[in-house]
Amino acid sequence: MSRIASPLKLLTIALKVGRVTKKYPFGPPLLTESFRGAISIDPAKCWGCGACTLVCPPNALTMRLEGEKIVLEYFKGRCIFCGMCADTCPANAITVTKEFELAATSVEDLKEDVIHKMSKCAICGKPFVATAEIRDVMKMQPITEEYANICPECRKKRAVKAFGMRFGAST
């Protein structure tokens, strides 16, 4: 008898309470203030430094070189919505949105690219860093444009040469 009483008890409670489910997707979903969804990258603010790719646990953010361009790729299919990239971005180019409905008919629809032109070294001519990064770092730091447009390898050679000239050592 107790086996029958339990379902009857549940039925009476359900009839008193009424419907508790939401009519999603026909109504707005219930999202809390702290809900984290997919990220959004502002290409105008992004430096192309790659800090976000270093902290992304599932590697949803990756960087690759394509000739003289740096491509930052965001693959929403891998993103776990942790927001570590947004916390790390020095340019504040990444924001966490409330977007979570990511269904797509193609894998390519889940990918977003931010493309940056690379600056070439003023001495050797090799591409070495995104132009946007040089521009924004120069705004924040008191460095000359001449120094900023030299790759690390050429800076090192220049410093060794200057050291040798100053202290009389031959290079």
N, C-alpha and C. Protein backbone atom coordinates (compact mmCIF):
# COMPACT_ATOMS: atom_id res chain seq x y z
N MET A 1 0.82 -1.20 0.00
CA MET A 1 0.00 0.00 0.00
C MET A 1 0.86 1.26 0.00
N SER A 2 2.02 1.20 0.69
CA SER A 2 2.87 2.39 0.76
C SER A 2 3.46 2.73 -0.60
N ARG A 3 3.59 1.71 -1.49
CA ARG A 3 4.11 1.98 -2.83
C ARG A 3 3.10 2.80 -3.63
N ILE A 4 1.84 2.61 -3.43
CA ILE A 4 0.80 3.35 -4.13
C ILE A 4 0.63 4.73 -3.51
N ALA A 5 0.77 4.84 -2.23
CA ALA A 5 0.57 6.11 -1.53
C ALA A 5 1.62 7.14 -1.95
N SER A 6 2.82 6.70 -2.18
CA SER A 6 3.89 7.62 -2.53
C SER A 6 3.63 8.34 -3.87
N PRO A 7 3.26 7.61 -4.93
CA PRO A 7 2.94 8.31 -6.18
C PRO A 7 1.72 9.21 -6.05
N LEU A 8 0.73 8.80 -5.27
CA LEU A 8 -0.45 9.64 -5.06
C LEU A 8 -0.08 10.92 -4.32
N LYS A 9 0.81 10.79 -3.36
CA LYS A 9 1.27 11.96 -2.61
C LYS A 9 1.98 12.93 -3.55
N LEU A 10 2.85 12.40 -4.42
CA LEU A 10 3.55 13.24 -5.39
C LEU A 10 2.57 13.92 -6.34
N LEU A 11 1.56 13.20 -6.77
CA LEU A 11 0.57 13.75 -7.68
C LEU A 11 -0.21 14.89 -7.03
N THR A 12 -0.59 14.75 -5.78
CA THR A 12 -1.32 15.84 -5.10
C THR A 12 -0.44 17.07 -4.92
N ILE A 13 0.84 16.86 -4.60
CA ILE A 13 1.76 18.00 -4.47
C ILE A 13 1.92 18.70 -5.82
N ALA A 14 2.08 17.91 -6.89
CA ALA A 14 2.25 18.48 -8.22
C ALA A 14 1.01 19.27 -8.65
N LEU A 15 -0.17 18.79 -8.32
CA LEU A 15 -1.39 19.50 -8.67
C LEU A 15 -1.53 20.80 -7.90
N LYS A 16 -1.08 20.83 -6.65
CA LYS A 16 -1.15 22.06 -5.85
C LYS A 16 -0.16 23.11 -6.35
N VAL A 17 1.07 22.67 -6.65
CA VAL A 17 2.13 23.60 -7.06
C VAL A 17 1.89 24.12 -8.47
N GLY A 18 1.46 23.27 -9.35
CA GLY A 18 1.26 23.68 -10.73
C GLY A 18 2.54 23.55 -11.55
N ARG A 19 2.53 24.14 -12.74
CA ARG A 19 3.67 24.03 -13.65
C ARG A 19 4.82 24.91 -13.16
N VAL A 20 6.02 24.34 -13.12
CA VAL A 20 7.19 25.09 -12.66
C VAL A 20 8.26 25.23 -13.74
N THR A 21 8.09 24.54 -14.84
CA THR A 21 9.09 24.65 -15.90
C THR A 21 8.87 25.91 -16.72
N LYS A 22 9.94 26.41 -17.28
CA LYS A 22 9.87 27.61 -18.12
C LYS A 22 9.55 27.19 -19.56
N LYS A 23 9.03 28.09 -20.33
CA LYS A 23 8.68 27.79 -21.71
C LYS A 23 9.86 28.06 -22.66
N TYR A 24 11.07 27.81 -22.16
CA TYR A 24 12.25 28.00 -22.98
C TYR A 24 12.24 26.99 -24.11
N PRO A 25 12.54 27.32 -25.31
CA PRO A 25 13.19 28.51 -25.85
C PRO A 25 12.22 29.60 -26.30
N PHE A 26 10.95 29.48 -25.97
CA PHE A 26 9.98 30.49 -26.40
C PHE A 26 9.96 31.70 -25.49
N GLY A 27 10.55 31.58 -24.33
CA GLY A 27 10.68 32.70 -23.40
C GLY A 27 12.14 32.93 -23.10
N PRO A 28 12.44 34.03 -22.44
CA PRO A 28 13.85 34.29 -22.13
C PRO A 28 14.38 33.31 -21.08
N PRO A 29 15.64 32.89 -21.23
CA PRO A 29 16.20 31.96 -20.24
C PRO A 29 16.51 32.70 -18.94
N LEU A 30 16.53 31.96 -17.87
CA LEU A 30 16.85 32.53 -16.57
C LEU A 30 18.37 32.53 -16.41
N LEU A 31 18.98 33.71 -16.50
CA LEU A 31 20.43 33.85 -16.35
C LEU A 31 20.72 34.69 -15.13
N THR A 32 21.59 34.19 -14.29
CA THR A 32 21.96 34.94 -13.10
C THR A 32 22.98 36.02 -13.45
N GLU A 33 23.23 36.92 -12.52
CA GLU A 33 24.18 38.01 -12.72
C GLU A 33 25.59 37.49 -12.94
N SER A 34 25.93 36.38 -12.31
CA SER A 34 27.28 35.84 -12.42
C SER A 34 27.44 34.82 -13.54
N PHE A 35 26.42 34.65 -14.38
CA PHE A 35 26.50 33.69 -15.48
C PHE A 35 27.57 34.10 -16.48
N ARG A 36 28.37 33.13 -16.91
CA ARG A 36 29.40 33.38 -17.92
C ARG A 36 29.09 32.59 -19.16
N GLY A 37 29.08 33.28 -20.28
CA GLY A 37 28.86 32.63 -21.56
C GLY A 37 30.10 32.74 -22.43
N ALA A 38 29.89 32.75 -23.72
CA ALA A 38 31.00 32.85 -24.67
C ALA A 38 31.68 34.21 -24.54
N ILE A 39 32.91 34.30 -25.02
CA ILE A 39 33.63 35.57 -24.96
C ILE A 39 33.45 36.35 -26.25
N SER A 40 33.73 37.63 -26.18
CA SER A 40 33.71 38.50 -27.35
C SER A 40 35.04 39.23 -27.39
N ILE A 41 35.70 39.21 -28.55
CA ILE A 41 37.00 39.86 -28.71
C ILE A 41 36.81 41.10 -29.57
N ASP A 42 37.23 42.25 -29.05
CA ASP A 42 37.17 43.50 -29.80
C ASP A 42 38.47 43.65 -30.60
N PRO A 43 38.42 43.46 -31.93
CA PRO A 43 39.63 43.54 -32.74
C PRO A 43 40.32 44.90 -32.68
N ALA A 44 39.56 45.96 -32.42
CA ALA A 44 40.16 47.30 -32.34
C ALA A 44 41.03 47.46 -31.10
N LYS A 45 40.69 46.74 -30.02
CA LYS A 45 41.46 46.83 -28.78
C LYS A 45 42.57 45.78 -28.69
N CYS A 46 42.39 44.64 -29.36
CA CYS A 46 43.31 43.51 -29.25
C CYS A 46 44.69 43.87 -29.80
N TRP A 47 45.73 43.53 -29.03
CA TRP A 47 47.12 43.79 -29.45
C TRP A 47 47.69 42.65 -30.28
N GLY A 48 47.16 41.45 -30.08
CA GLY A 48 47.75 40.29 -30.71
C GLY A 48 48.94 39.76 -29.93
N CYS A 49 48.96 40.01 -28.62
CA CYS A 49 50.10 39.62 -27.78
C CYS A 49 50.09 38.13 -27.44
N GLY A 50 48.91 37.51 -27.42
CA GLY A 50 48.82 36.08 -27.15
C GLY A 50 48.71 35.70 -25.69
N ALA A 51 48.57 36.67 -24.79
CA ALA A 51 48.45 36.36 -23.36
C ALA A 51 47.24 35.47 -23.11
N CYS A 52 46.15 35.72 -23.80
CA CYS A 52 44.93 34.94 -23.62
C CYS A 52 45.12 33.48 -24.01
N THR A 53 45.92 33.24 -25.03
CA THR A 53 46.14 31.86 -25.49
C THR A 53 46.95 31.05 -24.48
N LEU A 54 47.77 31.73 -23.69
CA LEU A 54 48.61 31.04 -22.71
C LEU A 54 47.83 30.57 -21.49
N VAL A 55 46.72 31.23 -21.18
CA VAL A 55 45.95 30.87 -19.98
C VAL A 55 44.67 30.09 -20.28
N CYS A 56 44.36 29.88 -21.54
CA CYS A 56 43.12 29.19 -21.92
C CYS A 56 43.24 27.69 -21.66
N PRO A 57 42.54 27.15 -20.62
CA PRO A 57 42.69 25.72 -20.28
C PRO A 57 42.35 24.76 -21.42
N PRO A 58 41.26 24.95 -22.17
CA PRO A 58 40.94 23.97 -23.21
C PRO A 58 41.54 24.31 -24.59
N ASN A 59 42.39 25.34 -24.65
CA ASN A 59 42.96 25.80 -25.92
C ASN A 59 41.89 26.23 -26.92
N ALA A 60 40.88 26.90 -26.44
CA ALA A 60 39.86 27.45 -27.33
C ALA A 60 40.41 28.67 -28.06
N LEU A 61 41.40 29.32 -27.47
CA LEU A 61 42.09 30.45 -28.09
C LEU A 61 43.48 29.99 -28.51
N THR A 62 43.79 30.15 -29.79
CA THR A 62 45.10 29.77 -30.30
C THR A 62 45.63 30.88 -31.20
N MET A 63 46.95 30.91 -31.35
CA MET A 63 47.58 31.87 -32.25
C MET A 63 48.40 31.11 -33.27
N ARG A 64 48.42 31.66 -34.48
CA ARG A 64 49.28 31.08 -35.51
C ARG A 64 49.80 32.21 -36.40
N LEU A 65 50.92 31.96 -37.02
CA LEU A 65 51.50 32.92 -37.96
C LEU A 65 51.13 32.49 -39.37
N GLU A 66 50.66 33.44 -40.14
CA GLU A 66 50.36 33.20 -41.55
C GLU A 66 51.10 34.27 -42.34
N GLY A 67 52.29 33.94 -42.78
CA GLY A 67 53.10 34.92 -43.50
C GLY A 67 53.49 36.05 -42.58
N GLU A 68 53.03 37.24 -42.89
CA GLU A 68 53.34 38.41 -42.07
C GLU A 68 52.13 38.86 -41.25
N LYS A 69 51.29 37.88 -40.91
CA LYS A 69 50.10 38.16 -40.10
C LYS A 69 50.06 37.23 -38.90
N ILE A 70 49.52 37.75 -37.81
CA ILE A 70 49.25 36.94 -36.62
C ILE A 70 47.74 36.72 -36.59
N VAL A 71 47.33 35.46 -36.48
CA VAL A 71 45.90 35.14 -36.44
C VAL A 71 45.57 34.58 -35.06
N LEU A 72 44.68 35.27 -34.36
CA LEU A 72 44.15 34.80 -33.08
C LEU A 72 42.82 34.12 -33.40
N GLU A 73 42.73 32.83 -33.12
CA GLU A 73 41.51 32.08 -33.43
C GLU A 73 40.79 31.69 -32.15
N TYR A 74 39.49 32.00 -32.11
CA TYR A 74 38.63 31.61 -30.99
C TYR A 74 37.67 30.54 -31.49
N PHE A 75 37.75 29.34 -30.91
CA PHE A 75 36.88 28.23 -31.27
C PHE A 75 35.88 28.02 -30.14
N LYS A 76 34.64 28.47 -30.37
CA LYS A 76 33.60 28.41 -29.34
C LYS A 76 33.26 26.98 -28.93
N GLY A 77 33.47 26.03 -29.81
CA GLY A 77 33.18 24.63 -29.51
C GLY A 77 34.04 24.05 -28.40
N ARG A 78 35.18 24.65 -28.14
CA ARG A 78 36.07 24.18 -27.07
C ARG A 78 35.96 25.01 -25.80
N CYS A 79 35.44 26.20 -25.90
CA CYS A 79 35.42 27.14 -24.78
C CYS A 79 34.58 26.59 -23.62
N ILE A 80 35.14 26.70 -22.41
CA ILE A 80 34.42 26.25 -21.21
C ILE A 80 33.86 27.44 -20.42
N PHE A 81 33.94 28.63 -21.00
CA PHE A 81 33.38 29.86 -20.42
C PHE A 81 33.94 30.20 -19.05
N CYS A 82 35.23 29.95 -18.86
CA CYS A 82 35.85 30.22 -17.55
C CYS A 82 36.18 31.70 -17.38
N GLY A 83 36.42 32.41 -18.47
CA GLY A 83 36.72 33.84 -18.39
C GLY A 83 38.16 34.17 -18.03
N MET A 84 39.04 33.18 -17.98
CA MET A 84 40.44 33.46 -17.63
C MET A 84 41.10 34.36 -18.67
N CYS A 85 40.71 34.22 -19.93
CA CYS A 85 41.29 35.05 -20.99
C CYS A 85 40.93 36.52 -20.77
N ALA A 86 39.70 36.79 -20.38
CA ALA A 86 39.26 38.16 -20.14
C ALA A 86 40.00 38.77 -18.95
N ASP A 87 40.26 37.96 -17.93
CA ASP A 87 40.99 38.44 -16.76
C ASP A 87 42.44 38.74 -17.09
N THR A 88 43.00 38.03 -18.05
CA THR A 88 44.42 38.13 -18.38
C THR A 88 44.72 39.19 -19.43
N CYS A 89 43.80 39.48 -20.32
CA CYS A 89 44.05 40.38 -21.45
C CYS A 89 44.54 41.75 -20.99
N PRO A 90 45.78 42.15 -21.36
CA PRO A 90 46.30 43.45 -20.93
C PRO A 90 45.63 44.63 -21.60
N ALA A 91 44.98 44.39 -22.73
CA ALA A 91 44.33 45.47 -23.47
C ALA A 91 42.83 45.56 -23.17
N ASN A 92 42.32 44.69 -22.31
CA ASN A 92 40.88 44.62 -22.02
C ASN A 92 40.05 44.47 -23.29
N ALA A 93 40.56 43.67 -24.22
CA ALA A 93 39.87 43.46 -25.49
C ALA A 93 38.87 42.32 -25.43
N ILE A 94 38.90 41.53 -24.36
CA ILE A 94 38.02 40.37 -24.25
C ILE A 94 37.00 40.60 -23.16
N THR A 95 35.73 40.40 -23.50
CA THR A 95 34.66 40.49 -22.52
C THR A 95 33.87 39.18 -22.51
N VAL A 96 33.36 38.83 -21.35
CA VAL A 96 32.54 37.63 -21.21
C VAL A 96 31.09 38.05 -21.42
N THR A 97 30.41 37.37 -22.33
CA THR A 97 29.02 37.69 -22.64
C THR A 97 28.08 36.71 -21.94
N LYS A 98 26.81 36.89 -22.13
CA LYS A 98 25.79 35.96 -21.61
C LYS A 98 25.38 34.95 -22.68
N GLU A 99 26.02 35.00 -23.84
CA GLU A 99 25.66 34.12 -24.96
C GLU A 99 26.07 32.67 -24.64
N PHE A 100 25.13 31.76 -24.77
CA PHE A 100 25.43 30.36 -24.52
C PHE A 100 24.82 29.44 -25.57
N GLU A 101 23.93 29.94 -26.37
CA GLU A 101 23.30 29.13 -27.42
C GLU A 101 24.23 29.15 -28.63
N LEU A 102 25.02 28.12 -28.78
CA LEU A 102 26.07 28.12 -29.78
C LEU A 102 25.86 27.07 -30.87
N ALA A 103 24.64 26.62 -31.05
CA ALA A 103 24.38 25.61 -32.07
C ALA A 103 24.74 26.16 -33.44
N ALA A 104 25.38 25.32 -34.25
CA ALA A 104 25.78 25.73 -35.59
C ALA A 104 25.68 24.53 -36.52
N THR A 105 25.50 24.80 -37.79
CA THR A 105 25.42 23.73 -38.77
C THR A 105 26.79 23.32 -39.28
N SER A 106 27.79 24.17 -39.04
CA SER A 106 29.15 23.89 -39.50
C SER A 106 30.14 24.23 -38.39
N VAL A 107 31.22 23.48 -38.31
CA VAL A 107 32.26 23.75 -37.31
C VAL A 107 32.88 25.12 -37.57
N GLU A 108 32.98 25.50 -38.82
CA GLU A 108 33.58 26.80 -39.17
C GLU A 108 32.76 27.97 -38.61
N ASP A 109 31.46 27.76 -38.40
CA ASP A 109 30.61 28.81 -37.83
C ASP A 109 30.94 29.07 -36.36
N LEU A 110 31.64 28.15 -35.74
CA LEU A 110 32.01 28.30 -34.33
C LEU A 110 33.39 28.94 -34.15
N LYS A 111 34.02 29.31 -35.25
CA LYS A 111 35.36 29.90 -35.18
C LYS A 111 35.31 31.38 -35.53
N GLU A 112 36.09 32.16 -34.77
CA GLU A 112 36.24 33.59 -35.05
C GLU A 112 37.72 33.90 -35.11
N ASP A 113 38.13 34.66 -36.11
CA ASP A 113 39.54 35.04 -36.24
C ASP A 113 39.71 36.54 -36.06
N VAL A 114 40.78 36.91 -35.36
CA VAL A 114 41.21 38.30 -35.27
C VAL A 114 42.59 38.32 -35.91
N ILE A 115 42.73 39.09 -36.99
CA ILE A 115 43.97 39.10 -37.75
C ILE A 115 44.72 40.40 -37.51
N HIS A 116 46.02 40.26 -37.21
CA HIS A 116 46.89 41.42 -36.97
C HIS A 116 48.05 41.41 -37.94
N LYS A 117 48.37 42.60 -38.44
CA LYS A 117 49.54 42.77 -39.28
C LYS A 117 50.77 42.81 -38.38
N MET A 118 51.84 42.17 -38.81
CA MET A 118 53.07 42.17 -38.01
C MET A 118 53.99 43.30 -38.45
N SER A 119 54.70 43.87 -37.49
CA SER A 119 55.71 44.89 -37.79
C SER A 119 57.01 44.19 -38.15
N LYS A 120 57.74 44.81 -39.05
CA LYS A 120 59.04 44.28 -39.44
C LYS A 120 60.12 45.03 -38.69
N CYS A 121 61.18 44.32 -38.35
CA CYS A 121 62.31 44.92 -37.66
C CYS A 121 62.95 45.97 -38.56
N ALA A 122 63.25 47.13 -38.00
CA ALA A 122 63.85 48.22 -38.76
C ALA A 122 65.27 47.89 -39.21
N ILE A 123 65.90 46.92 -38.57
CA ILE A 123 67.29 46.57 -38.92
C ILE A 123 67.35 45.35 -39.85
N CYS A 124 66.79 44.23 -39.40
CA CYS A 124 66.92 42.99 -40.20
C CYS A 124 65.74 42.75 -41.14
N GLY A 125 64.61 43.40 -40.90
CA GLY A 125 63.45 43.25 -41.79
C GLY A 125 62.55 42.07 -41.50
N LYS A 126 62.84 41.29 -40.46
CA LYS A 126 62.00 40.13 -40.13
C LYS A 126 60.77 40.58 -39.35
N PRO A 127 59.59 40.00 -39.64
CA PRO A 127 58.41 40.31 -38.82
C PRO A 127 58.60 39.74 -37.42
N PHE A 128 58.23 40.52 -36.39
CA PHE A 128 58.50 40.03 -35.03
C PHE A 128 57.38 40.25 -34.03
N VAL A 129 56.48 41.19 -34.23
CA VAL A 129 55.40 41.43 -33.28
C VAL A 129 54.26 42.17 -34.00
N ALA A 130 53.06 42.07 -33.44
CA ALA A 130 51.90 42.75 -34.03
C ALA A 130 52.07 44.26 -33.95
N THR A 131 51.72 44.94 -35.02
CA THR A 131 51.82 46.40 -35.09
C THR A 131 50.99 47.05 -33.99
N ALA A 132 49.81 46.50 -33.71
CA ALA A 132 48.93 47.06 -32.67
C ALA A 132 49.59 47.01 -31.30
N GLU A 133 50.37 45.97 -31.04
CA GLU A 133 51.04 45.85 -29.75
C GLU A 133 52.09 46.94 -29.59
N ILE A 134 52.86 47.19 -30.62
CA ILE A 134 53.87 48.25 -30.56
C ILE A 134 53.20 49.60 -30.32
N ARG A 135 52.13 49.85 -31.07
CA ARG A 135 51.42 51.13 -30.97
C ARG A 135 50.91 51.37 -29.55
N ASP A 136 50.26 50.39 -28.97
CA ASP A 136 49.66 50.57 -27.65
C ASP A 136 50.69 50.57 -26.53
N VAL A 137 51.75 49.78 -26.67
CA VAL A 137 52.79 49.78 -25.64
C VAL A 137 53.52 51.12 -25.64
N MET A 138 53.72 51.70 -26.82
CA MET A 138 54.38 53.02 -26.89
C MET A 138 53.55 54.11 -26.22
N LYS A 139 52.23 53.95 -26.22
CA LYS A 139 51.36 54.91 -25.53
C LYS A 139 51.53 54.82 -24.01
N MET A 140 51.82 53.60 -23.52
CA MET A 140 51.91 53.38 -22.08
C MET A 140 53.32 53.53 -21.53
N GLN A 141 54.32 53.25 -22.33
CA GLN A 141 55.71 53.26 -21.87
C GLN A 141 56.51 54.34 -22.59
N PRO A 142 57.45 54.95 -21.89
CA PRO A 142 58.28 55.97 -22.54
C PRO A 142 59.42 55.34 -23.36
N ILE A 143 59.09 54.73 -24.50
CA ILE A 143 60.13 54.18 -25.37
C ILE A 143 60.07 54.91 -26.71
N THR A 144 61.22 55.03 -27.32
CA THR A 144 61.26 55.69 -28.62
C THR A 144 60.74 54.74 -29.69
N GLU A 145 60.23 55.31 -30.75
CA GLU A 145 59.71 54.50 -31.84
C GLU A 145 60.84 53.70 -32.49
N GLU A 146 62.01 54.29 -32.53
CA GLU A 146 63.18 53.60 -33.10
C GLU A 146 63.47 52.30 -32.34
N TYR A 147 63.46 52.37 -31.03
CA TYR A 147 63.72 51.19 -30.20
C TYR A 147 62.57 50.18 -30.29
N ALA A 148 61.35 50.66 -30.33
CA ALA A 148 60.18 49.78 -30.37
C ALA A 148 60.10 48.99 -31.67
N ASN A 149 60.65 49.52 -32.74
CA ASN A 149 60.56 48.87 -34.05
C ASN A 149 61.76 47.97 -34.36
N ILE A 150 62.49 47.56 -33.32
CA ILE A 150 63.63 46.65 -33.50
C ILE A 150 63.31 45.34 -32.79
N CYS A 151 63.58 44.23 -33.46
CA CYS A 151 63.29 42.91 -32.87
C CYS A 151 64.25 42.62 -31.72
N PRO A 152 63.89 41.71 -30.83
CA PRO A 152 64.74 41.41 -29.67
C PRO A 152 66.17 40.99 -30.04
N GLU A 153 66.30 40.24 -31.10
CA GLU A 153 67.64 39.79 -31.52
C GLU A 153 68.52 40.98 -31.92
N CYS A 154 67.96 41.89 -32.69
CA CYS A 154 68.73 43.07 -33.11
C CYS A 154 68.98 44.01 -31.93
N ARG A 155 68.05 44.08 -30.99
CA ARG A 155 68.27 44.89 -29.77
C ARG A 155 69.45 44.34 -28.99
N LYS A 156 69.51 43.02 -28.90
CA LYS A 156 70.60 42.39 -28.17
C LYS A 156 71.94 42.71 -28.84
N LYS A 157 72.01 42.57 -30.16
CA LYS A 157 73.24 42.87 -30.89
C LYS A 157 73.64 44.33 -30.70
N ARG A 158 72.66 45.20 -30.74
CA ARG A 158 72.91 46.64 -30.58
C ARG A 158 73.44 46.94 -29.17
N ALA A 159 72.87 46.29 -28.16
CA ALA A 159 73.31 46.51 -26.78
C ALA A 159 74.74 46.00 -26.58
N VAL A 160 75.06 44.84 -27.16
CA VAL A 160 76.42 44.30 -27.04
C VAL A 160 77.42 45.23 -27.72
N LYS A 161 77.04 45.74 -28.87
CA LYS A 161 77.92 46.67 -29.60
C LYS A 161 78.13 47.95 -28.79
N ALA A 162 77.05 48.50 -28.23
CA ALA A 162 77.16 49.72 -27.42
C ALA A 162 78.00 49.47 -26.17
N PHE A 163 77.85 48.32 -25.56
CA PHE A 163 78.64 47.96 -24.38
C PHE A 163 80.12 47.89 -24.75
N GLY A 164 80.41 47.27 -25.88
CA GLY A 164 81.79 47.15 -26.34
C GLY A 164 82.41 48.50 -26.64
N MET A 165 81.62 49.39 -27.25
CA MET A 165 82.13 50.73 -27.56
C MET A 165 82.39 51.51 -26.27
N ARG A 166 81.54 51.33 -25.30
CA ARG A 166 81.66 52.09 -24.06
C ARG A 166 82.84 51.63 -23.22
N PHE A 167 83.06 50.33 -23.21
CA PHE A 167 84.11 49.79 -22.34
C PHE A 167 85.34 49.31 -23.11
N GLY A 168 85.41 49.61 -24.40
CA GLY A 168 86.60 49.33 -25.19
C GLY A 168 86.78 47.89 -25.62
N ALA A 169 85.77 47.05 -25.46
CA ALA A 169 85.89 45.66 -25.90
C ALA A 169 85.55 45.58 -27.38
N SER A 170 86.15 44.65 -28.07
CA SER A 170 85.84 44.50 -29.49
C SER A 170 84.70 43.50 -29.65
N THR A 171 83.83 43.75 -30.62
CA THR A 171 82.70 42.86 -30.85
C THR A 171 82.75 42.23 -32.20
